[in-house]
Amino acid sequence: MFAEKMIIETDGSGHLKSIPALPPNKRIETIFLIIGETDEKETSFREPCRELNGMINISGNIIDSVSENLWDLPK
């Protein structure tokens, strides 16, 4: 068994941009380590879980629930 390092990129949907060439007739174990920073400007959008859709009601002012210095907003 030997290790080979490959850096594989995904598109905005999480699909592989290109499939790497692998050795024929072999079993391959993969471990994916997500690289924290990329050269490109990331445009990720967070969404709530779809199972919670329609189950949550906001009652009150959620903006004042955390102090402004914890929002990590640009100055």
Protein backbone atom coordinates (compact mmCIF):
# COMPACT_ATOMS: atom_id res chain seq x y z
CA MET A 1 0.00 0.00 0.00
CA PHE A 2 1.29 3.45 -0.84
CA ALA A 3 -0.10 6.96 -0.61
CA GLU A 4 -0.46 9.46 -3.42
CA LYS A 5 -1.52 13.04 -2.81
CA MET A 6 -4.04 14.49 -5.26
CA ILE A 7 -5.79 17.83 -5.07
CA ILE A 8 -9.22 17.54 -6.67
CA GLU A 9 -11.46 20.59 -7.19
CA THR A 10 -15.23 20.79 -7.19
CA ASP A 11 -17.58 23.25 -8.86
CA GLY A 12 -20.27 25.35 -7.17
CA SER A 13 -22.57 22.32 -6.93
CA GLY A 14 -19.97 20.08 -5.30
CA HIS A 15 -19.36 17.99 -8.43
CA LEU A 16 -15.82 17.09 -9.49
CA LYS A 17 -14.35 19.44 -12.11
CA SER A 18 -12.22 16.61 -13.54
CA ILE A 19 -11.89 12.95 -12.67
CA PRO A 20 -8.28 11.92 -11.95
CA ALA A 21 -6.65 8.97 -13.71
CA LEU A 22 -6.45 6.01 -11.36
CA PRO A 23 -4.57 2.71 -11.63
CA PRO A 24 -6.57 -0.04 -13.38
CA ASN A 25 -7.97 -3.05 -11.53
CA LYS A 26 -7.16 -1.73 -8.05
CA ARG A 27 -9.17 -1.09 -4.91
CA ILE A 28 -8.73 2.47 -3.69
CA GLU A 29 -9.43 3.90 -0.24
CA THR A 30 -10.02 7.64 -0.17
CA ILE A 31 -9.90 10.15 2.65
CA PHE A 32 -11.10 13.64 1.75
CA LEU A 33 -9.52 16.56 3.58
CA ILE A 34 -11.21 19.86 2.77
CA ILE A 35 -8.66 22.62 2.17
CA GLY A 36 -9.77 25.66 4.16
CA GLU A 37 -8.67 28.51 1.92
CA THR A 38 -8.75 28.70 -1.85
CA ASP A 39 -7.43 31.27 -4.28
CA GLU A 40 -10.89 31.93 -5.69
CA LYS A 41 -13.41 34.08 -3.89
CA GLU A 42 -15.92 31.62 -2.47
CA THR A 43 -19.60 32.35 -2.95
CA SER A 44 -21.22 29.96 -0.53
CA PHE A 45 -24.76 30.53 0.67
CA ARG A 46 -25.98 28.98 3.88
CA GLU A 47 -29.52 27.67 4.04
CA PRO A 48 -31.51 26.20 6.91
CA CYS A 49 -32.34 22.51 6.89
CA ARG A 50 -35.28 21.81 4.56
CA GLU A 51 -36.89 19.62 7.22
CA LEU A 52 -37.40 22.75 9.34
CA ASN A 53 -39.21 24.60 6.54
CA GLY A 54 -42.40 26.15 7.91
CA MET A 55 -41.77 24.94 11.48
CA ILE A 56 -39.90 27.98 12.83
CA ASN A 57 -41.47 31.29 13.77
CA ILE A 58 -39.33 34.31 14.62
CA SER A 59 -40.90 36.18 17.48
CA GLY A 60 -38.97 39.26 18.46
CA ASN A 61 -35.87 41.14 17.44
CA ILE A 62 -33.11 38.66 16.58
CA ILE A 63 -30.62 41.39 15.58
CA ASP A 64 -30.19 42.63 19.17
CA SER A 65 -29.84 39.10 20.58
CA VAL A 66 -26.05 39.19 20.07
CA SER A 67 -23.80 42.20 20.58
CA GLU A 68 -22.59 43.97 17.43
CA ASN A 69 -18.90 43.15 17.96
CA LEU A 70 -19.67 39.39 17.70
CA TRP A 71 -21.25 39.71 14.22
CA ASP A 72 -17.78 39.95 12.57
CA LEU A 73 -18.94 42.69 10.22
CA PRO A 74 -16.47 44.72 8.11
CA LYS A 75 -15.76 48.13 9.57
